[in-house]
Amino acid sequence: DQQVSPVSGDVTITNAAVDTQTYF
């Protein structure tokens, strides 16, 4: 069966900036 979690709280991305690649 399809399960969809609740939406999480805020995840802070270290070094967040435009023109970057974000690894998760």
mmCIF file of all heavy atoms, coordinates in Angstrom:
data_MODEL
# 
_entry.id   MODEL 
# 
loop_
_atom_site.group_PDB 
_atom_site.id 
_atom_site.type_symbol 
_atom_site.label_atom_id 
_atom_site.label_alt_id 
_atom_site.label_comp_id 
_atom_site.label_asym_id 
_atom_site.label_entity_id 
_atom_site.label_seq_id 
_atom_site.pdbx_PDB_ins_code 
_atom_site.Cartn_x 
_atom_site.Cartn_y 
_atom_site.Cartn_z 
_atom_site.occupancy 
_atom_site.B_iso_or_equiv 
_atom_site.pdbx_formal_charge 
_atom_site.auth_seq_id 
_atom_site.auth_comp_id 
_atom_site.auth_asym_id 
_atom_site.auth_atom_id 
_atom_site.pdbx_PDB_model_num 
ATOM 1   N N   . ASP A 1 1  ? 0.848  -1.191 0.000   1.00 0.00 ? 1  ASP A N   1 
ATOM 2   C CA  . ASP A 1 1  ? 0.000  0.000  0.000   1.00 0.00 ? 1  ASP A CA  1 
ATOM 3   C C   . ASP A 1 1  ? 0.886  1.243  0.000   1.00 0.00 ? 1  ASP A C   1 
ATOM 4   O O   . ASP A 1 1  ? 1.961  1.243  0.602   1.00 0.00 ? 1  ASP A O   1 
ATOM 5   C CB  . ASP A 1 1  ? -0.915 0.030  1.225   1.00 0.00 ? 1  ASP A CB  1 
ATOM 6   C CG  . ASP A 1 1  ? -2.245 -0.665 0.979   1.00 0.00 ? 1  ASP A CG  1 
ATOM 7   O OD1 . ASP A 1 1  ? -2.377 -1.373 -0.042  1.00 0.00 ? 1  ASP A OD1 1 
ATOM 8   O OD2 . ASP A 1 1  ? -3.151 -0.510 1.815   1.00 0.00 ? 1  ASP A OD2 1 
ATOM 9   N N   . GLN A 1 2  ? 0.404  2.268  -0.686  1.00 0.00 ? 2  GLN A N   1 
ATOM 10  C CA  . GLN A 1 2  ? 1.120  3.545  -0.731  1.00 0.00 ? 2  GLN A CA  1 
ATOM 11  C C   . GLN A 1 2  ? 1.078  4.203  0.640   1.00 0.00 ? 2  GLN A C   1 
ATOM 12  O O   . GLN A 1 2  ? 0.008  4.307  1.239   1.00 0.00 ? 2  GLN A O   1 
ATOM 13  C CB  . GLN A 1 2  ? 0.444  4.470  -1.744  1.00 0.00 ? 2  GLN A CB  1 
ATOM 14  C CG  . GLN A 1 2  ? 1.031  5.861  -1.817  1.00 0.00 ? 2  GLN A CG  1 
ATOM 15  C CD  . GLN A 1 2  ? 2.350  5.898  -2.541  1.00 0.00 ? 2  GLN A CD  1 
ATOM 16  O OE1 . GLN A 1 2  ? 2.437  5.484  -3.681  1.00 0.00 ? 2  GLN A OE1 1 
ATOM 17  N NE2 . GLN A 1 2  ? 3.380  6.386  -1.872  1.00 0.00 ? 2  GLN A NE2 1 
ATOM 18  N N   . GLN A 1 3  ? 2.229  4.634  1.138   1.00 0.00 ? 3  GLN A N   1 
ATOM 19  C CA  . GLN A 1 3  ? 2.291  5.388  2.380   1.00 0.00 ? 3  GLN A CA  1 
ATOM 20  C C   . GLN A 1 3  ? 2.957  6.718  2.101   1.00 0.00 ? 3  GLN A C   1 
ATOM 21  O O   . GLN A 1 3  ? 3.950  6.780  1.372   1.00 0.00 ? 3  GLN A O   1 
ATOM 22  C CB  . GLN A 1 3  ? 3.074  4.620  3.440   1.00 0.00 ? 3  GLN A CB  1 
ATOM 23  C CG  . GLN A 1 3  ? 2.335  3.391  3.887   1.00 0.00 ? 3  GLN A CG  1 
ATOM 24  C CD  . GLN A 1 3  ? 2.586  3.021  5.323   1.00 0.00 ? 3  GLN A CD  1 
ATOM 25  O OE1 . GLN A 1 3  ? 2.634  1.858  5.639   1.00 0.00 ? 3  GLN A OE1 1 
ATOM 26  N NE2 . GLN A 1 3  ? 2.719  3.983  6.206   1.00 0.00 ? 3  GLN A NE2 1 
ATOM 27  N N   . VAL A 1 4  ? 2.405  7.780  2.687   1.00 0.00 ? 4  VAL A N   1 
ATOM 28  C CA  . VAL A 1 4  ? 2.955  9.119  2.555   1.00 0.00 ? 4  VAL A CA  1 
ATOM 29  C C   . VAL A 1 4  ? 3.109  9.668  3.967   1.00 0.00 ? 4  VAL A C   1 
ATOM 30  O O   . VAL A 1 4  ? 2.127  9.800  4.702   1.00 0.00 ? 4  VAL A O   1 
ATOM 31  C CB  . VAL A 1 4  ? 2.042  10.025 1.708   1.00 0.00 ? 4  VAL A CB  1 
ATOM 32  C CG1 . VAL A 1 4  ? 2.651  11.415 1.579   1.00 0.00 ? 4  VAL A CG1 1 
ATOM 33  C CG2 . VAL A 1 4  ? 1.788  9.412  0.334   1.00 0.00 ? 4  VAL A CG2 1 
ATOM 34  N N   . SER A 1 5  ? 4.325  9.978  4.337   1.00 0.00 ? 5  SER A N   1 
ATOM 35  C CA  . SER A 1 5  ? 4.600  10.460 5.695   1.00 0.00 ? 5  SER A CA  1 
ATOM 36  C C   . SER A 1 5  ? 4.036  11.864 5.876   1.00 0.00 ? 5  SER A C   1 
ATOM 37  O O   . SER A 1 5  ? 3.765  12.576 4.902   1.00 0.00 ? 5  SER A O   1 
ATOM 38  C CB  . SER A 1 5  ? 6.105  10.480 5.953   1.00 0.00 ? 5  SER A CB  1 
ATOM 39  O OG  . SER A 1 5  ? 6.705  11.604 5.327   1.00 0.00 ? 5  SER A OG  1 
ATOM 40  N N   . PRO A 1 6  ? 3.942  12.302 7.123   1.00 0.00 ? 6  PRO A N   1 
ATOM 41  C CA  . PRO A 1 6  ? 3.661  13.725 7.359   1.00 0.00 ? 6  PRO A CA  1 
ATOM 42  C C   . PRO A 1 6  ? 4.830  14.547 6.809   1.00 0.00 ? 6  PRO A C   1 
ATOM 43  O O   . PRO A 1 6  ? 5.927  14.031 6.583   1.00 0.00 ? 6  PRO A O   1 
ATOM 44  C CB  . PRO A 1 6  ? 3.601  13.828 8.882   1.00 0.00 ? 6  PRO A CB  1 
ATOM 45  C CG  . PRO A 1 6  ? 3.408  12.437 9.380   1.00 0.00 ? 6  PRO A CG  1 
ATOM 46  C CD  . PRO A 1 6  ? 4.028  11.535 8.365   1.00 0.00 ? 6  PRO A CD  1 
ATOM 47  N N   . VAL A 1 7  ? 4.598  15.838 6.617   1.00 0.00 ? 7  VAL A N   1 
ATOM 48  C CA  . VAL A 1 7  ? 5.679  16.730 6.214   1.00 0.00 ? 7  VAL A CA  1 
ATOM 49  C C   . VAL A 1 7  ? 6.575  16.964 7.428   1.00 0.00 ? 7  VAL A C   1 
ATOM 50  O O   . VAL A 1 7  ? 6.094  17.150 8.545   1.00 0.00 ? 7  VAL A O   1 
ATOM 51  C CB  . VAL A 1 7  ? 5.113  18.064 5.678   1.00 0.00 ? 7  VAL A CB  1 
ATOM 52  C CG1 . VAL A 1 7  ? 6.230  19.052 5.368   1.00 0.00 ? 7  VAL A CG1 1 
ATOM 53  C CG2 . VAL A 1 7  ? 4.264  17.812 4.429   1.00 0.00 ? 7  VAL A CG2 1 
ATOM 54  N N   . SER A 1 8  ? 7.872  16.946 7.196   1.00 0.00 ? 8  SER A N   1 
ATOM 55  C CA  . SER A 1 8  ? 8.855  17.109 8.273   1.00 0.00 ? 8  SER A CA  1 
ATOM 56  C C   . SER A 1 8  ? 8.889  18.544 8.788   1.00 0.00 ? 8  SER A C   1 
ATOM 57  O O   . SER A 1 8  ? 8.304  19.451 8.203   1.00 0.00 ? 8  SER A O   1 
ATOM 58  C CB  . SER A 1 8  ? 10.248 16.752 7.752   1.00 0.00 ? 8  SER A CB  1 
ATOM 59  O OG  . SER A 1 8  ? 10.734 17.792 6.906   1.00 0.00 ? 8  SER A OG  1 
ATOM 60  N N   . GLY A 1 9  ? 9.674  18.715 9.834   1.00 0.00 ? 9  GLY A N   1 
ATOM 61  C CA  . GLY A 1 9  ? 10.044 20.051 10.278  1.00 0.00 ? 9  GLY A CA  1 
ATOM 62  C C   . GLY A 1 9  ? 11.120 20.603 9.364   1.00 0.00 ? 9  GLY A C   1 
ATOM 63  O O   . GLY A 1 9  ? 11.493 19.981 8.357   1.00 0.00 ? 9  GLY A O   1 
ATOM 64  N N   . ASP A 1 10 ? 11.652 21.760 9.718   1.00 0.00 ? 10 ASP A N   1 
ATOM 65  C CA  . ASP A 1 10 ? 12.652 22.434 8.890   1.00 0.00 ? 10 ASP A CA  1 
ATOM 66  C C   . ASP A 1 10 ? 13.995 21.717 8.900   1.00 0.00 ? 10 ASP A C   1 
ATOM 67  O O   . ASP A 1 10 ? 14.531 21.412 9.957   1.00 0.00 ? 10 ASP A O   1 
ATOM 68  C CB  . ASP A 1 10 ? 12.869 23.865 9.382   1.00 0.00 ? 10 ASP A CB  1 
ATOM 69  C CG  . ASP A 1 10 ? 11.660 24.757 9.139   1.00 0.00 ? 10 ASP A CG  1 
ATOM 70  O OD1 . ASP A 1 10 ? 10.794 24.392 8.316   1.00 0.00 ? 10 ASP A OD1 1 
ATOM 71  O OD2 . ASP A 1 10 ? 11.586 25.824 9.771   1.00 0.00 ? 10 ASP A OD2 1 
ATOM 72  N N   . VAL A 1 11 ? 14.523 21.487 7.698   1.00 0.00 ? 11 VAL A N   1 
ATOM 73  C CA  . VAL A 1 11 ? 15.858 20.919 7.518   1.00 0.00 ? 11 VAL A CA  1 
ATOM 74  C C   . VAL A 1 11 ? 16.776 22.061 7.089   1.00 0.00 ? 11 VAL A C   1 
ATOM 75  O O   . VAL A 1 11 ? 16.546 22.689 6.045   1.00 0.00 ? 11 VAL A O   1 
ATOM 76  C CB  . VAL A 1 11 ? 15.860 19.813 6.439   1.00 0.00 ? 11 VAL A CB  1 
ATOM 77  C CG1 . VAL A 1 11 ? 17.263 19.264 6.238   1.00 0.00 ? 11 VAL A CG1 1 
ATOM 78  C CG2 . VAL A 1 11 ? 14.878 18.710 6.776   1.00 0.00 ? 11 VAL A CG2 1 
ATOM 79  N N   . THR A 1 12 ? 17.797 22.327 7.878   1.00 0.00 ? 12 THR A N   1 
ATOM 80  C CA  . THR A 1 12 ? 18.775 23.360 7.532   1.00 0.00 ? 12 THR A CA  1 
ATOM 81  C C   . THR A 1 12 ? 19.844 22.749 6.647   1.00 0.00 ? 12 THR A C   1 
ATOM 82  O O   . THR A 1 12 ? 20.459 21.744 7.008   1.00 0.00 ? 12 THR A O   1 
ATOM 83  C CB  . THR A 1 12 ? 19.409 23.965 8.799   1.00 0.00 ? 12 THR A CB  1 
ATOM 84  O OG1 . THR A 1 12 ? 18.367 24.558 9.584   1.00 0.00 ? 12 THR A OG1 1 
ATOM 85  C CG2 . THR A 1 12 ? 20.450 25.016 8.456   1.00 0.00 ? 12 THR A CG2 1 
ATOM 86  N N   . ILE A 1 13 ? 20.050 23.362 5.482   1.00 0.00 ? 13 ILE A N   1 
ATOM 87  C CA  . ILE A 1 13 ? 21.069 22.897 4.538   1.00 0.00 ? 13 ILE A CA  1 
ATOM 88  C C   . ILE A 1 13 ? 22.374 23.625 4.862   1.00 0.00 ? 13 ILE A C   1 
ATOM 89  O O   . ILE A 1 13 ? 22.441 24.863 4.775   1.00 0.00 ? 13 ILE A O   1 
ATOM 90  C CB  . ILE A 1 13 ? 20.657 23.194 3.076   1.00 0.00 ? 13 ILE A CB  1 
ATOM 91  C CG1 . ILE A 1 13 ? 19.260 22.637 2.768   1.00 0.00 ? 13 ILE A CG1 1 
ATOM 92  C CG2 . ILE A 1 13 ? 21.708 22.688 2.101   1.00 0.00 ? 13 ILE A CG2 1 
ATOM 93  C CD1 . ILE A 1 13 ? 19.129 21.147 2.905   1.00 0.00 ? 13 ILE A CD1 1 
ATOM 94  N N   . THR A 1 14 ? 23.395 22.889 5.231   1.00 0.00 ? 14 THR A N   1 
ATOM 95  C CA  . THR A 1 14 ? 24.698 23.488 5.504   1.00 0.00 ? 14 THR A CA  1 
ATOM 96  C C   . THR A 1 14 ? 25.231 24.142 4.233   1.00 0.00 ? 14 THR A C   1 
ATOM 97  O O   . THR A 1 14 ? 25.149 23.561 3.154   1.00 0.00 ? 14 THR A O   1 
ATOM 98  C CB  . THR A 1 14 ? 25.676 22.406 6.002   1.00 0.00 ? 14 THR A CB  1 
ATOM 99  O OG1 . THR A 1 14 ? 25.138 21.815 7.188   1.00 0.00 ? 14 THR A OG1 1 
ATOM 100 C CG2 . THR A 1 14 ? 27.053 22.982 6.304   1.00 0.00 ? 14 THR A CG2 1 
ATOM 101 N N   . ASN A 1 15 ? 25.761 25.369 4.355   1.00 0.00 ? 15 ASN A N   1 
ATOM 102 C CA  . ASN A 1 15 ? 26.361 26.122 3.237   1.00 0.00 ? 15 ASN A CA  1 
ATOM 103 C C   . ASN A 1 15 ? 25.372 26.462 2.130   1.00 0.00 ? 15 ASN A C   1 
ATOM 104 O O   . ASN A 1 15 ? 25.763 26.613 0.968   1.00 0.00 ? 15 ASN A O   1 
ATOM 105 C CB  . ASN A 1 15 ? 27.568 25.382 2.638   1.00 0.00 ? 15 ASN A CB  1 
ATOM 106 C CG  . ASN A 1 15 ? 28.640 25.099 3.643   1.00 0.00 ? 15 ASN A CG  1 
ATOM 107 O OD1 . ASN A 1 15 ? 28.870 25.882 4.558   1.00 0.00 ? 15 ASN A OD1 1 
ATOM 108 N ND2 . ASN A 1 15 ? 29.293 23.964 3.513   1.00 0.00 ? 15 ASN A ND2 1 
ATOM 109 N N   . ALA A 1 16 ? 24.090 26.595 2.439   1.00 0.00 ? 16 ALA A N   1 
ATOM 110 C CA  . ALA A 1 16 ? 23.072 26.876 1.426   1.00 0.00 ? 16 ALA A CA  1 
ATOM 111 C C   . ALA A 1 16 ? 23.387 28.161 0.673   1.00 0.00 ? 16 ALA A C   1 
ATOM 112 O O   . ALA A 1 16 ? 23.677 29.187 1.285   1.00 0.00 ? 16 ALA A O   1 
ATOM 113 C CB  . ALA A 1 16 ? 21.701 26.966 2.074   1.00 0.00 ? 16 ALA A CB  1 
ATOM 114 N N   . ALA A 1 17 ? 23.337 28.094 -0.660  1.00 0.00 ? 17 ALA A N   1 
ATOM 115 C CA  . ALA A 1 17 ? 23.560 29.261 -1.506  1.00 0.00 ? 17 ALA A CA  1 
ATOM 116 C C   . ALA A 1 17 ? 23.082 28.938 -2.917  1.00 0.00 ? 17 ALA A C   1 
ATOM 117 O O   . ALA A 1 17 ? 22.962 27.761 -3.288  1.00 0.00 ? 17 ALA A O   1 
ATOM 118 C CB  . ALA A 1 17 ? 25.045 29.639 -1.520  1.00 0.00 ? 17 ALA A CB  1 
ATOM 119 N N   . VAL A 1 18 ? 22.838 29.985 -3.710  1.00 0.00 ? 18 VAL A N   1 
ATOM 120 C CA  . VAL A 1 18 ? 22.465 29.765 -5.107  1.00 0.00 ? 18 VAL A CA  1 
ATOM 121 C C   . VAL A 1 18 ? 23.674 29.256 -5.872  1.00 0.00 ? 18 VAL A C   1 
ATOM 122 O O   . VAL A 1 18 ? 24.824 29.411 -5.442  1.00 0.00 ? 18 VAL A O   1 
ATOM 123 C CB  . VAL A 1 18 ? 21.898 31.044 -5.769  1.00 0.00 ? 18 VAL A CB  1 
ATOM 124 C CG1 . VAL A 1 18 ? 20.600 31.455 -5.111  1.00 0.00 ? 18 VAL A CG1 1 
ATOM 125 C CG2 . VAL A 1 18 ? 22.911 32.162 -5.753  1.00 0.00 ? 18 VAL A CG2 1 
ATOM 126 N N   . ASP A 1 19 ? 23.417 28.658 -7.005  1.00 0.00 ? 19 ASP A N   1 
ATOM 127 C CA  . ASP A 1 19 ? 24.460 28.112 -7.881  1.00 0.00 ? 19 ASP A CA  1 
ATOM 128 C C   . ASP A 1 19 ? 25.342 27.096 -7.171  1.00 0.00 ? 19 ASP A C   1 
ATOM 129 O O   . ASP A 1 19 ? 26.564 27.072 -7.345  1.00 0.00 ? 19 ASP A O   1 
ATOM 130 C CB  . ASP A 1 19 ? 25.310 29.236 -8.500  1.00 0.00 ? 19 ASP A CB  1 
ATOM 131 C CG  . ASP A 1 19 ? 24.500 30.077 -9.475  1.00 0.00 ? 19 ASP A CG  1 
ATOM 132 O OD1 . ASP A 1 19 ? 23.576 29.523 -10.114 1.00 0.00 ? 19 ASP A OD1 1 
ATOM 133 O OD2 . ASP A 1 19 ? 24.781 31.274 -9.599  1.00 0.00 ? 19 ASP A OD2 1 
ATOM 134 N N   . THR A 1 20 ? 24.718 26.277 -6.339  1.00 0.00 ? 20 THR A N   1 
ATOM 135 C CA  . THR A 1 20 ? 25.421 25.181 -5.680  1.00 0.00 ? 20 THR A CA  1 
ATOM 136 C C   . THR A 1 20 ? 24.716 23.874 -6.039  1.00 0.00 ? 20 THR A C   1 
ATOM 137 O O   . THR A 1 20 ? 23.601 23.871 -6.561  1.00 0.00 ? 20 THR A O   1 
ATOM 138 C CB  . THR A 1 20 ? 25.402 25.328 -4.145  1.00 0.00 ? 20 THR A CB  1 
ATOM 139 O OG1 . THR A 1 20 ? 24.041 25.364 -3.704  1.00 0.00 ? 20 THR A OG1 1 
ATOM 140 C CG2 . THR A 1 20 ? 26.121 26.584 -3.698  1.00 0.00 ? 20 THR A CG2 1 
ATOM 141 N N   . GLN A 1 21 ? 25.377 22.797 -5.754  1.00 0.00 ? 21 GLN A N   1 
ATOM 142 C CA  . GLN A 1 21 ? 24.733 21.484 -5.826  1.00 0.00 ? 21 GLN A CA  1 
ATOM 143 C C   . GLN A 1 21 ? 24.509 21.052 -4.385  1.00 0.00 ? 21 GLN A C   1 
ATOM 144 O O   . GLN A 1 21 ? 25.432 21.122 -3.564  1.00 0.00 ? 21 GLN A O   1 
ATOM 145 C CB  . GLN A 1 21 ? 25.609 20.470 -6.556  1.00 0.00 ? 21 GLN A CB  1 
ATOM 146 C CG  . GLN A 1 21 ? 24.918 19.130 -6.722  1.00 0.00 ? 21 GLN A CG  1 
ATOM 147 C CD  . GLN A 1 21 ? 25.644 18.219 -7.696  1.00 0.00 ? 21 GLN A CD  1 
ATOM 148 O OE1 . GLN A 1 21 ? 26.548 18.626 -8.400  1.00 0.00 ? 21 GLN A OE1 1 
ATOM 149 N NE2 . GLN A 1 21 ? 25.229 16.972 -7.729  1.00 0.00 ? 21 GLN A NE2 1 
ATOM 150 N N   . THR A 1 22 ? 23.288 20.637 -4.087  1.00 0.00 ? 22 THR A N   1 
ATOM 151 C CA  . THR A 1 22 ? 22.957 20.243 -2.728  1.00 0.00 ? 22 THR A CA  1 
ATOM 152 C C   . THR A 1 22 ? 22.864 18.732 -2.654  1.00 0.00 ? 22 THR A C   1 
ATOM 153 O O   . THR A 1 22 ? 22.092 18.109 -3.386  1.00 0.00 ? 22 THR A O   1 
ATOM 154 C CB  . THR A 1 22 ? 21.643 20.904 -2.271  1.00 0.00 ? 22 THR A CB  1 
ATOM 155 O OG1 . THR A 1 22 ? 21.788 22.319 -2.373  1.00 0.00 ? 22 THR A OG1 1 
ATOM 156 C CG2 . THR A 1 22 ? 21.317 20.532 -0.838  1.00 0.00 ? 22 THR A CG2 1 
ATOM 157 N N   . TYR A 1 23 ? 23.664 18.158 -1.785  1.00 0.00 ? 23 TYR A N   1 
ATOM 158 C CA  . TYR A 1 23 ? 23.695 16.717 -1.568  1.00 0.00 ? 23 TYR A CA  1 
ATOM 159 C C   . TYR A 1 23 ? 22.826 16.392 -0.368  1.00 0.00 ? 23 TYR A C   1 
ATOM 160 O O   . TYR A 1 23 ? 22.898 17.062 0.665   1.00 0.00 ? 23 TYR A O   1 
ATOM 161 C CB  . TYR A 1 23 ? 25.132 16.242 -1.318  1.00 0.00 ? 23 TYR A CB  1 
ATOM 162 C CG  . TYR A 1 23 ? 26.015 16.413 -2.526  1.00 0.00 ? 23 TYR A CG  1 
ATOM 163 C CD1 . TYR A 1 23 ? 26.666 17.624 -2.770  1.00 0.00 ? 23 TYR A CD1 1 
ATOM 164 C CD2 . TYR A 1 23 ? 26.196 15.378 -3.435  1.00 0.00 ? 23 TYR A CD2 1 
ATOM 165 C CE1 . TYR A 1 23 ? 27.467 17.797 -3.884  1.00 0.00 ? 23 TYR A CE1 1 
ATOM 166 C CE2 . TYR A 1 23 ? 26.995 15.540 -4.555  1.00 0.00 ? 23 TYR A CE2 1 
ATOM 167 C CZ  . TYR A 1 23 ? 27.629 16.751 -4.771  1.00 0.00 ? 23 TYR A CZ  1 
ATOM 168 O OH  . TYR A 1 23 ? 28.421 16.923 -5.881  1.00 0.00 ? 23 TYR A OH  1 
ATOM 169 N N   . PHE A 1 24 ? 22.017 15.350 -0.506  1.00 0.00 ? 24 PHE A N   1 
ATOM 170 C CA  . PHE A 1 24 ? 21.138 14.912 0.570   1.00 0.00 ? 24 PHE A CA  1 
ATOM 171 C C   . PHE A 1 24 ? 21.449 13.474 0.948   1.00 0.00 ? 24 PHE A C   1 
ATOM 172 O O   . PHE A 1 24 ? 21.843 12.670 0.094   1.00 0.00 ? 24 PHE A O   1 
ATOM 173 C CB  . PHE A 1 24 ? 19.674 14.981 0.139   1.00 0.00 ? 24 PHE A CB  1 
ATOM 174 C CG  . PHE A 1 24 ? 19.126 16.371 0.050   1.00 0.00 ? 24 PHE A CG  1 
ATOM 175 C CD1 . PHE A 1 24 ? 19.101 17.038 -1.159  1.00 0.00 ? 24 PHE A CD1 1 
ATOM 176 C CD2 . PHE A 1 24 ? 18.635 17.011 1.168   1.00 0.00 ? 24 PHE A CD2 1 
ATOM 177 C CE1 . PHE A 1 24 ? 18.585 18.322 -1.262  1.00 0.00 ? 24 PHE A CE1 1 
ATOM 178 C CE2 . PHE A 1 24 ? 18.114 18.287 1.090   1.00 0.00 ? 24 PHE A CE2 1 
ATOM 179 C CZ  . PHE A 1 24 ? 18.089 18.945 -0.135  1.00 0.00 ? 24 PHE A CZ  1 
# 
